[in-house]
Amino acid sequence: MDTSIKIGDVQRAVAKECLFFGDTSKENISTITKLYLNQLSKDGYNVRRHKQTLNSNATRVNSFINK
């Protein structure tokens, strides 16, 4: 069974969390993203390699929020 997860799936989940908490700041997005990635790693999932910086991560998460 493939246990790989795309970073875009994580970003969609982070966008939902940000909407729930009502905070879409770059700092909040970065914190939640790091927590998600750490927990996924502990649960045995592999996040596919990505080259996203904190700024581009926040931009992409905000694009999911604005949809």
C-alpha atoms as a PDB file:
ATOM      1  CA  MET A   1       0.000   0.000   0.000  1.00  0.00           C
ATOM      2  CA  ASP A   2       1.301   3.453  -0.963  1.00  0.00           C
ATOM      3  CA  THR A   3       1.608   5.733   2.049  1.00  0.00           C
ATOM      4  CA  SER A   4       2.753   8.817   0.140  1.00  0.00           C
ATOM      5  CA  ILE A   5       0.926  12.092   0.588  1.00  0.00           C
ATOM      6  CA  LYS A   6       1.168  15.140  -1.655  1.00  0.00           C
ATOM      7  CA  ILE A   7       2.040  18.474  -0.066  1.00  0.00           C
ATOM      8  CA  GLY A   8      -1.053  19.938  -1.770  1.00  0.00           C
ATOM      9  CA  ASP A   9      -3.257  17.608   0.289  1.00  0.00           C
ATOM     10  CA  VAL A  10      -1.581  18.861   3.453  1.00  0.00           C
ATOM     11  CA  GLN A  11      -2.060  22.466   2.324  1.00  0.00           C
ATOM     12  CA  ARG A  12      -5.778  21.890   1.750  1.00  0.00           C
ATOM     13  CA  ALA A  13      -6.104  20.496   5.274  1.00  0.00           C
ATOM     14  CA  VAL A  14      -4.129  23.436   6.678  1.00  0.00           C
ATOM     15  CA  ALA A  15      -6.452  25.851   4.850  1.00  0.00           C
ATOM     16  CA  LYS A  16      -9.464  24.233   6.551  1.00  0.00           C
ATOM     17  CA  GLU A  17      -7.758  24.478   9.947  1.00  0.00           C
ATOM     18  CA  CYS A  18      -6.957  28.162   9.365  1.00  0.00           C
ATOM     19  CA  LEU A  19     -10.576  28.879   8.488  1.00  0.00           C
ATOM     20  CA  PHE A  20     -11.710  27.013  11.591  1.00  0.00           C
ATOM     21  CA  PHE A  21      -9.399  29.078  13.822  1.00  0.00           C
ATOM     22  CA  GLY A  22     -10.037  32.299  11.896  1.00  0.00           C
ATOM     23  CA  ASP A  23      -6.308  33.015  11.515  1.00  0.00           C
ATOM     24  CA  THR A  24      -4.714  32.949   8.073  1.00  0.00           C
ATOM     25  CA  SER A  25      -1.406  34.563   9.034  1.00  0.00           C
ATOM     26  CA  LYS A  26       1.814  33.223   7.539  1.00  0.00           C
ATOM     27  CA  GLU A  27       3.033  32.257  11.012  1.00  0.00           C
ATOM     28  CA  ASN A  28      -0.115  30.247  11.764  1.00  0.00           C
ATOM     29  CA  ILE A  29      -0.009  28.529   8.368  1.00  0.00           C
ATOM     30  CA  SER A  30       3.650  27.580   8.879  1.00  0.00           C
ATOM     31  CA  THR A  31       3.025  26.272  12.394  1.00  0.00           C
ATOM     32  CA  ILE A  32       0.046  24.140  11.400  1.00  0.00           C
ATOM     33  CA  THR A  33       1.883  22.815   8.326  1.00  0.00           C
ATOM     34  CA  LYS A  34       4.876  21.746  10.427  1.00  0.00           C
ATOM     35  CA  LEU A  35       2.588  20.058  12.957  1.00  0.00           C
ATOM     36  CA  TYR A  36       0.744  18.177  10.205  1.00  0.00           C
ATOM     37  CA  LEU A  37       4.007  17.022   8.592  1.00  0.00           C
ATOM     38  CA  ASN A  38       5.424  15.871  11.931  1.00  0.00           C
ATOM     39  CA  GLN A  39       2.277  13.934  12.804  1.00  0.00           C
ATOM     40  CA  LEU A  40       2.091  12.315   9.363  1.00  0.00           C
ATOM     41  CA  SER A  41       5.701  11.222   9.755  1.00  0.00           C
ATOM     42  CA  LYS A  42       4.935   9.714  13.185  1.00  0.00           C
ATOM     43  CA  ASP A  43       1.947   7.893  11.674  1.00  0.00           C
ATOM     44  CA  GLY A  44       4.201   6.297   9.057  1.00  0.00           C
ATOM     45  CA  TYR A  45       3.216   8.379   6.033  1.00  0.00           C
ATOM     46  CA  ASN A  46       5.720   9.822   3.584  1.00  0.00           C
ATOM     47  CA  VAL A  47       5.160  13.303   2.224  1.00  0.00           C
ATOM     48  CA  ARG A  48       6.434  13.494  -1.341  1.00  0.00           C
ATOM     49  CA  ARG A  49       9.465  15.710  -1.763  1.00  0.00           C
ATOM     50  CA  HIS A  50       8.697  19.366  -2.361  1.00  0.00           C
ATOM     51  CA  LYS A  51      10.622  22.617  -2.669  1.00  0.00           C
ATOM     52  CA  GLN A  52       8.164  24.991  -1.082  1.00  0.00           C
ATOM     53  CA  THR A  53       9.422  27.856   1.031  1.00  0.00           C
ATOM     54  CA  LEU A  54       7.437  29.341   3.889  1.00  0.00           C
ATOM     55  CA  ASN A  55       6.253  32.212   1.667  1.00  0.00           C
ATOM     56  CA  SER A  56       5.115  29.988  -1.174  1.00  0.00           C
ATOM     57  CA  ASN A  57       3.463  27.595   1.283  1.00  0.00           C
ATOM     58  CA  ALA A  58       1.460  30.458   2.813  1.00  0.00           C
ATOM     59  CA  THR A  59       0.546  31.737  -0.650  1.00  0.00           C
ATOM     60  CA  ARG A  60      -0.679  28.318  -1.765  1.00  0.00           C
ATOM     61  CA  VAL A  61      -2.676  27.743   1.432  1.00  0.00           C
ATOM     62  CA  ASN A  62      -4.285  31.170   1.019  1.00  0.00           C
ATOM     63  CA  SER A  63      -5.221  30.267  -2.561  1.00  0.00           C
ATOM     64  CA  PHE A  64      -7.139  27.247  -1.184  1.00  0.00           C
ATOM     65  CA  ILE A  65      -8.814  29.471   1.392  1.00  0.00           C
ATOM     66  CA  ASN A  66      -9.949  31.966  -1.250  1.00  0.00           C
ATOM     67  CA  LYS A  67     -11.550  29.309  -3.475  1.00  0.00           C
END
